[in-house]
Protein backbone atom coordinates (compact mmCIF):
# COMPACT_ATOMS: atom_id res chain seq x y z
CA LEU A 1 0.00 0.00 0.01
CA THR A 2 1.64 3.23 -1.12
CA GLY A 3 0.45 6.85 -0.64
CA GLY A 4 0.89 9.42 -3.43
CA ALA A 5 2.76 12.69 -3.24
CA GLU A 6 0.54 13.90 -0.38
CA GLY A 7 0.61 10.46 1.23
CA LEU A 8 -2.47 8.48 2.14
CA SER A 9 -4.49 9.23 5.20
CA SER A 10 -6.88 6.92 6.98
CA PRO A 11 -8.18 6.41 10.57
CA THR A 12 -7.47 2.61 10.59
CA VAL A 13 -5.54 0.42 8.15
CA SER A 14 -5.33 -3.34 8.49
CA LEU A 15 -3.35 -5.49 6.03
CA GLN A 16 -3.14 -9.20 6.20
CA SER A 17 -1.52 -11.78 3.94
CA ALA A 18 -0.58 -15.47 4.05
CA ASN A 19 2.65 -16.38 2.30
CA GLY A 20 3.11 -12.91 0.86
CA SER A 21 4.93 -9.74 1.79
CA VAL A 22 3.23 -6.64 3.15
CA ALA A 23 4.65 -3.14 2.43
CA VAL A 24 3.23 0.20 3.67
CA GLU A 25 4.76 3.49 2.43
CA GLY A 26 3.83 7.13 2.62
CA MET A 27 0.83 6.83 4.97
CA ARG A 28 -0.69 8.67 7.88
CA ALA A 29 -3.21 6.73 10.01
CA GLY A 30 -4.62 6.41 13.45
CA GLU A 31 -3.84 2.68 13.69
CA ILE A 32 -1.90 0.45 11.28
CA ALA A 33 -1.78 -3.35 11.55
CA ALA A 34 0.36 -5.32 9.11
CA LEU A 35 0.23 -9.10 9.50
CA THR A 36 1.63 -11.90 7.31
CA SER A 37 3.36 -15.22 7.52
CA ASN A 38 6.28 -16.68 5.63
CA ASP A 39 7.28 -13.33 4.13
CA ASP A 40 8.60 -9.90 5.12
CA VAL A 41 6.91 -6.68 6.30
CA GLU A 42 8.30 -3.27 5.27
CA ILE A 43 7.04 -0.07 6.67
CA ALA A 44 8.46 3.30 5.40
CA ASP A 45 7.61 7.03 5.67
CA VAL A 46 4.64 6.35 7.96
CA GLU A 47 3.02 8.28 10.71
CA ALA A 48 0.49 6.61 13.07
CA ASP A 49 -0.92 6.64 16.54
CA ALA A 50 -0.36 2.88 16.85
CA LEU A 51 1.60 0.40 14.64
CA THR A 52 1.40 -3.34 15.01
CA VAL A 53 3.48 -5.65 12.84
CA ALA A 54 3.61 -9.45 13.00
CA THR A 55 5.16 -12.04 10.68
CA SER A 56 6.94 -15.35 10.82
CA ASN A 57 9.82 -16.85 8.82
CA ASP A 58 11.00 -13.46 7.54
CA SER A 59 12.06 -10.01 8.50
CA VAL A 60 10.41 -6.77 9.69
CA THR A 61 11.91 -3.43 8.50
CA LEU A 62 10.88 0.06 9.60
CA HIS A 63 12.39 3.17 8.02
CA SER A 64 11.34 6.77 8.72
CA VAL A 65 8.46 5.81 11.03
CA ARG A 66 6.70 8.04 13.54
CA ALA A 67 4.14 6.46 15.90
CA GLY A 68 2.78 6.60 19.42
CA GLU A 69 2.89 2.84 20.20
CA ILE A 70 4.92 0.37 18.07
CA SER A 71 4.67 -3.36 18.52
CA LEU A 72 6.82 -5.64 16.30
CA GLU A 73 6.99 -9.41 16.34
CA THR A 74 8.57 -12.10 14.09
CA ARG A 75 9.94 -15.56 14.35
CA ASN A 76 12.92 -16.75 12.25
CA GLY A 77 13.56 -13.24 10.93
CA GLU A 78 15.48 -10.11 11.74
CA ILE A 79 13.96 -6.82 12.92
CA ARG A 80 15.65 -3.76 11.37
CA LEU A 81 14.81 -0.21 12.54
CA GLU A 82 16.13 3.00 11.06
CA ASP A 83 14.93 6.52 11.83
CA VAL A 84 12.10 5.45 14.11
CA GLN A 85 10.43 7.71 16.69
CA ALA A 86 7.80 6.42 19.16
CA ASP A 87 6.36 6.96 22.56
CA ALA A 88 6.84 3.21 23.27
CA LEU A 89 8.57 0.69 21.08
CA ALA A 90 8.46 -3.13 21.62
CA ALA A 91 10.34 -5.51 19.27
CA ARG A 92 10.52 -9.25 19.70
CA THR A 93 12.05 -11.99 17.52
CA GLU A 94 13.27 -15.55 17.80
CA ASN A 95 16.16 -17.16 15.86
CA ASP A 96 17.46 -13.88 14.54
CA GLY A 97 18.52 -10.45 15.76
CA ILE A 98 17.42 -6.88 16.16
CA ALA A 99 19.43 -4.08 14.48
CA PHE A 100 18.75 -0.39 14.91
CA CYS A 101 19.95 3.18 14.34
CA GLY A 102 18.23 6.49 14.78
CA VAL A 103 15.68 5.10 17.14
CA GLU A 104 14.16 7.47 19.76
CA ALA A 105 11.39 6.86 22.30
CA ALA A 106 9.74 9.13 24.78
CA ARG A 107 8.76 6.40 27.30
CA SER A 108 10.22 3.00 26.56
CA ILE A 109 12.24 0.74 24.25
CA GLU A 110 11.92 -2.97 24.75
CA LEU A 111 14.02 -5.35 22.68
CA GLU A 112 13.89 -9.16 23.02
CA THR A 113 15.33 -12.02 21.05
CA SER A 114 16.56 -15.54 21.42
CA ASN A 115 19.35 -17.05 19.31
CA GLY A 116 20.18 -13.62 17.98
CA ASP A 117 22.01 -10.35 18.67
CA ILE A 118 20.70 -6.92 19.67
CA ARG A 119 22.87 -4.25 18.03
CA GLY A 120 22.50 -0.54 17.51
CA ALA A 121 23.02 2.99 18.66
CA LEU A 122 20.79 5.28 20.74
CA PRO A 123 20.78 9.07 21.18
CA GLY A 124 22.02 10.69 24.28
CA SER A 125 24.07 8.90 26.94
CA LEU A 126 23.62 5.83 29.02
CA GLY A 127 22.47 8.01 31.95
CA ASP A 128 19.39 9.12 29.83
CA TYR A 129 17.97 5.58 30.19
CA SER A 130 16.63 3.37 32.98
CA VAL A 131 18.14 0.02 31.92
CA GLU A 132 17.31 -3.57 32.48
CA SER A 133 19.31 -6.05 30.34
CA THR A 134 20.22 -9.70 30.15
CA ALA A 135 22.45 -11.61 27.70
CA THR A 136 22.26 -15.24 28.64
CA ASN A 137 25.15 -17.09 26.94
CA GLY A 138 26.38 -13.92 25.36
CA GLU A 139 28.28 -10.62 25.83
CA ASN A 140 26.44 -7.49 27.04
CA SER A 141 27.59 -3.86 26.62
CA LEU A 142 24.74 -2.60 28.87
CA PRO A 143 24.56 -2.76 32.65
CA GLU A 144 22.15 -5.41 33.94
CA ALA A 145 20.35 -2.67 35.85
CA LEU A 146 20.58 1.15 35.98
CA GLU A 147 17.92 3.26 37.51
CA SER A 148 17.24 6.81 36.25
CA ASP A 149 14.25 9.07 35.38
CA GLY A 150 15.02 8.60 31.71
CA VAL A 151 13.50 6.39 29.00
CA TYR A 152 12.99 2.77 30.06
CA LEU A 153 15.28 0.51 28.01
CA ARG A 154 14.95 -3.29 28.28
CA ALA A 155 17.16 -5.53 26.19
CA GLU A 156 17.10 -9.30 26.51
CA THR A 157 18.69 -12.11 24.57
CA VAL A 158 19.43 -15.77 25.03
CA ASN A 159 22.30 -17.24 22.98
CA GLY A 160 23.24 -13.81 21.58
CA ASP A 161 25.09 -10.57 22.29
CA ILE A 162 23.85 -7.09 23.27
CA ASP A 163 25.89 -4.33 21.70
CA VAL A 164 24.28 -0.93 22.26
CA ALA A 165 26.26 2.29 21.87
CA PHE A 166 25.18 5.84 22.79
CA ALA A 167 25.79 9.06 20.85
CA GLN A 168 27.34 10.86 23.87
């Protein structure tokens, strides 16, 4: 689904596919849900109050996305985030990793995987985040716990590494 030069605006958009990819580009909406299996989901140049993405056996990619609540889930596929702003972001995958850059959240960032790495860079400094992190059977660049009044950051992996850098 692609918006034109002015984009596409709608209160609610729900896209569902079986064994086919889902792509949303150039859209403004209250709520967007993109669901598929056995293929990828790509979301680009989108603004929404809420964005929900779910797939299996392939990747989820977000580029230039602004949303209040973002919920992403896949199995056997990577989650890639670039230039994403949200109030709250939750990303979960199994058997692959999560890679991100240019991600900002007002309230929370929650990243979870098993059998994959969590890698990326966040704005600000470590002290701007209240951190909970666990890397079972892997290396972890984050402290296991750090309390602050900042954005809640939870990163968890089993059989993978956590490598998160900060701009400052």
